[in-house]
C-alpha atoms as a PDB file:
ATOM      1  CA  MET A   1      91.116  33.626  79.892  1.00  0.00           C
ATOM      2  CA  LYS A   2      91.055  37.363  80.405  1.00  0.00           C
ATOM      3  CA  GLN A   3      93.345  39.136  82.864  1.00  0.00           C
ATOM      4  CA  THR A   4      91.348  40.797  85.607  1.00  0.00           C
ATOM      5  CA  GLY A   5      93.374  44.042  85.943  1.00  0.00           C
ATOM      6  CA  THR A   6      93.558  45.144  82.315  1.00  0.00           C
ATOM      7  CA  ASP A   7      90.597  47.540  82.508  1.00  0.00           C
ATOM      8  CA  PHE A   8      92.202  49.362  85.388  1.00  0.00           C
ATOM      9  CA  ILE A   9      95.574  49.504  83.662  1.00  0.00           C
ATOM     10  CA  ASP A  10      93.959  50.825  80.488  1.00  0.00           C
ATOM     11  CA  ARG A  11      92.105  53.536  82.406  1.00  0.00           C
ATOM     12  CA  ARG A  12      95.244  54.503  84.283  1.00  0.00           C
ATOM     13  CA  ASN A  13      97.251  54.784  81.063  1.00  0.00           C
ATOM     14  CA  ALA A  14      94.473  56.791  79.410  1.00  0.00           C
ATOM     15  CA  ALA A  15      94.385  59.203  82.354  1.00  0.00           C
ATOM     16  CA  LYS A  16      98.168  59.537  82.233  1.00  0.00           C
ATOM     17  CA  ASP A  17      98.051  60.258  78.497  1.00  0.00           C
ATOM     18  CA  ALA A  18      95.252  62.821  78.999  1.00  0.00           C
ATOM     19  CA  LYS A  19      97.248  64.611  81.703  1.00  0.00           C
ATOM     20  CA  ALA A  20     100.329  64.659  79.468  1.00  0.00           C
ATOM     21  CA  ALA A  21      98.269  66.053  76.592  1.00  0.00           C
ATOM     22  CA  LEU A  22      96.784  68.716  78.852  1.00  0.00           C
ATOM     23  CA  LEU A  23     100.263  69.660  80.045  1.00  0.00           C
ATOM     24  CA  GLU A  24     101.511  69.969  76.461  1.00  0.00           C
ATOM     25  CA  LYS A  25      98.492  72.098  75.582  1.00  0.00           C
ATOM     26  CA  MET A  26      99.191  74.453  78.519  1.00  0.00           C
ATOM     27  CA  LYS A  27     102.863  74.725  77.554  1.00  0.00           C
ATOM     28  CA  ALA A  28     101.828  75.604  74.017  1.00  0.00           C
ATOM     29  CA  LYS A  29      99.459  78.312  75.332  1.00  0.00           C
ATOM     30  CA  GLN A  30     102.230  79.840  77.438  1.00  0.00           C
ATOM     31  CA  ASN A  31     104.389  80.324  74.371  1.00  0.00           C
ATOM     32  CA  ASP A  32     101.516  81.635  72.221  1.00  0.00           C
ATOM     33  CA  PRO A  33     102.128  85.299  71.223  1.00  0.00           C
ATOM     34  CA  ALA A  34      98.397  86.114  71.361  1.00  0.00           C
ATOM     35  CA  ALA A  35      98.192  84.797  74.918  1.00  0.00           C
ATOM     36  CA  GLN A  36     101.287  86.797  75.826  1.00  0.00           C
ATOM     37  CA  ALA A  37      99.650  89.914  74.360  1.00  0.00           C
ATOM     38  CA  ARG A  38      96.470  89.239  76.369  1.00  0.00           C
ATOM     39  CA  ARG A  39      98.508  88.828  79.552  1.00  0.00           C
ATOM     40  CA  GLU A  40     100.345  92.101  78.893  1.00  0.00           C
ATOM     41  CA  GLU A  41      97.056  93.861  78.168  1.00  0.00           C
ATOM     42  CA  HIS A  42      95.561  92.456  81.373  1.00  0.00           C
ATOM     43  CA  ALA A  43      98.635  93.562  83.340  1.00  0.00           C
ATOM     44  CA  ALA A  44      98.358  97.066  81.841  1.00  0.00           C
ATOM     45  CA  LEU A  45      94.667  97.249  82.734  1.00  0.00           C
ATOM     46  CA  ALA A  46      95.390  96.051  86.272  1.00  0.00           C
ATOM     47  CA  ALA A  47      98.147  98.647  86.660  1.00  0.00           C
ATOM     48  CA  ALA A  48      95.847 101.404  85.377  1.00  0.00           C
ATOM     49  CA  ARG A  49      93.109 100.266  87.764  1.00  0.00           C
ATOM     50  CA  ALA A  50      95.543 100.246  90.679  1.00  0.00           C
ATOM     51  CA  GLU A  51      96.718 103.737  89.724  1.00  0.00           C
ATOM     52  CA  ARG A  52      93.131 105.046  89.545  1.00  0.00           C
ATOM     53  CA  GLU A  53      92.318 103.476  92.903  1.00  0.00           C
ATOM     54  CA  ALA A  54      95.446 105.000  94.461  1.00  0.00           C
ATOM     55  CA  ALA A  55      94.528 108.413  93.060  1.00  0.00           C
ATOM     56  CA  LYS A  56      90.994 107.998  94.380  1.00  0.00           C
ATOM     57  CA  ARG A  57      92.310 107.052  97.837  1.00  0.00           C
ATOM     58  CA  GLU A  58      94.617 110.091  97.821  1.00  0.00           C
ATOM     59  CA  GLN A  59      91.729 112.339  96.812  1.00  0.00           C
ATOM     60  CA  GLN A  60      89.514 110.891  99.550  1.00  0.00           C
ATOM     61  CA  LYS A  61      92.329 111.346 102.059  1.00  0.00           C
ATOM     62  CA  ALA A  62      92.794 114.969 100.993  1.00  0.00           C
ATOM     63  CA  GLU A  63      89.049 115.586 101.228  1.00  0.00           C
ATOM     64  CA  ALA A  64      88.930 114.003 104.684  1.00  0.00           C
ATOM     65  CA  GLU A  65      91.847 116.179 105.816  1.00  0.00           C
ATOM     66  CA  ALA A  66      90.109 119.261 104.412  1.00  0.00           C
ATOM     67  CA  ARG A  67      86.886 118.360 106.238  1.00  0.00           C
ATOM     68  CA  GLU A  68      88.851 117.795 109.446  1.00  0.00           C
ATOM     69  CA  ALA A  69      90.612 121.151 109.055  1.00  0.00           C
ATOM     70  CA  GLU A  70      87.259 122.826 108.417  1.00  0.00           C
ATOM     71  CA  ARG A  71      85.785 121.198 111.526  1.00  0.00           C
ATOM     72  CA  ALA A  72      88.805 122.309 113.565  1.00  0.00           C
ATOM     73  CA  ALA A  73      88.451 125.856 112.242  1.00  0.00           C
ATOM     74  CA  GLU A  74      84.736 125.854 113.082  1.00  0.00           C
ATOM     75  CA  ALA A  75      85.460 124.530 116.555  1.00  0.00           C
ATOM     76  CA  ALA A  76      88.131 127.201 117.067  1.00  0.00           C
ATOM     77  CA  ALA A  77      85.750 129.902 115.846  1.00  0.00           C
ATOM     78  CA  ALA A  78      83.021 128.614 118.157  1.00  0.00           C
ATOM     79  CA  ALA A  79      85.436 128.546 121.093  1.00  0.00           C
ATOM     80  CA  GLU A  80      86.586 132.069 120.289  1.00  0.00           C
ATOM     81  CA  ALA A  81      82.991 133.267 120.028  1.00  0.00           C
ATOM     82  CA  ALA A  82      82.169 131.611 123.357  1.00  0.00           C
ATOM     83  CA  GLU A  83      85.230 133.228 124.937  1.00  0.00           C
ATOM     84  CA  LYS A  84      84.252 136.631 123.535  1.00  0.00           C
ATOM     85  CA  ALA A  85      80.724 136.124 124.838  1.00  0.00           C
ATOM     86  CA  ALA A  86      82.096 135.218 128.259  1.00  0.00           C
ATOM     87  CA  VAL A  87      84.375 138.273 128.223  1.00  0.00           C
ATOM     88  CA  SER A  88      81.501 140.427 127.029  1.00  0.00           C
ATOM     89  CA  GLU A  89      79.251 139.037 129.766  1.00  0.00           C
ATOM     90  CA  ARG A  90      81.984 139.651 132.335  1.00  0.00           C
ATOM     91  CA  ASP A  91      82.439 143.206 131.050  1.00  0.00           C
ATOM     92  CA  LYS A  92      78.676 143.754 131.271  1.00  0.00           C
ATOM     93  CA  LEU A  93      78.659 142.458 134.836  1.00  0.00           C
ATOM     94  CA  ILE A  94      81.589 144.715 135.741  1.00  0.00           C
ATOM     95  CA  ALA A  95      79.884 147.694 134.110  1.00  0.00           C
ATOM     96  CA  GLN A  96      76.643 146.871 135.948  1.00  0.00           C
ATOM     97  CA  ALA A  97      78.509 146.564 139.257  1.00  0.00           C
ATOM     98  CA  MET A  98      80.237 149.904 138.649  1.00  0.00           C
ATOM     99  CA  ALA A  99      76.897 151.500 137.761  1.00  0.00           C
ATOM    100  CA  ASP A 100      75.342 150.069 140.936  1.00  0.00           C
ATOM    101  CA  GLN A 101      78.246 151.396 143.004  1.00  0.00           C
ATOM    102  CA  ALA A 102      77.907 154.791 141.367  1.00  0.00           C
ATOM    103  CA  ALA A 103      74.164 154.801 142.108  1.00  0.00           C
ATOM    104  CA  GLN A 104      74.826 153.831 145.732  1.00  0.00           C
ATOM    105  CA  LYS A 105      77.460 156.543 146.015  1.00  0.00           C
ATOM    106  CA  ALA A 106      75.034 159.062 144.519  1.00  0.00           C
ATOM    107  CA  LYS A 107      72.362 158.066 147.070  1.00  0.00           C
ATOM    108  CA  ARG A 108      74.880 158.272 149.890  1.00  0.00           C
ATOM    109  CA  ASP A 109      76.097 161.663 148.696  1.00  0.00           C
ATOM    110  CA  ALA A 110      72.482 162.834 148.421  1.00  0.00           C
ATOM    111  CA  ARG A 111      71.783 161.701 151.988  1.00  0.00           C
ATOM    112  CA  TYR A 112      74.987 163.405 153.174  1.00  0.00           C
ATOM    113  CA  ALA A 113      74.064 166.592 151.365  1.00  0.00           C
ATOM    114  CA  ALA A 114      70.558 166.482 152.891  1.00  0.00           C
ATOM    115  CA  ARG A 115      72.003 165.963 156.357  1.00  0.00           C
ATOM    116  CA  GLN A 116      74.462 168.824 155.871  1.00  0.00           C
ATOM    117  CA  SER A 117      71.666 171.118 154.669  1.00  0.00           C
ATOM    118  CA  ARG A 118      69.551 170.275 157.744  1.00  0.00           C
ATOM    119  CA  LYS A 119      72.458 171.093 160.019  1.00  0.00           C
ATOM    120  CA  GLY A 120      73.063 174.163 158.565  1.00  0.00           C
END
């Protein structure tokens, strides 16, 4: 008569042995000098990549700051040009008003001179 649970017990023991073998294999790989060299090489590559990315980010940041400074300078130049145009326009208006006043004064003086010549 065959025991009913032996297949299960055999499978369980086989799985346990396979896990133990896999664990031993992984422990052996950890101590392998070639694997250690690969890990060091990978770490060096990752560090170099991180350094390149950091340098790239710094360069992009510097470029963005330069563009922002250029935009600010352009905005300041535009504001200054607008202010000069406003001052120039105001000066033109003042000059025009003074010219109009001078023309009015000249007309008034001409009328006064005509009136004075008629009187006498």
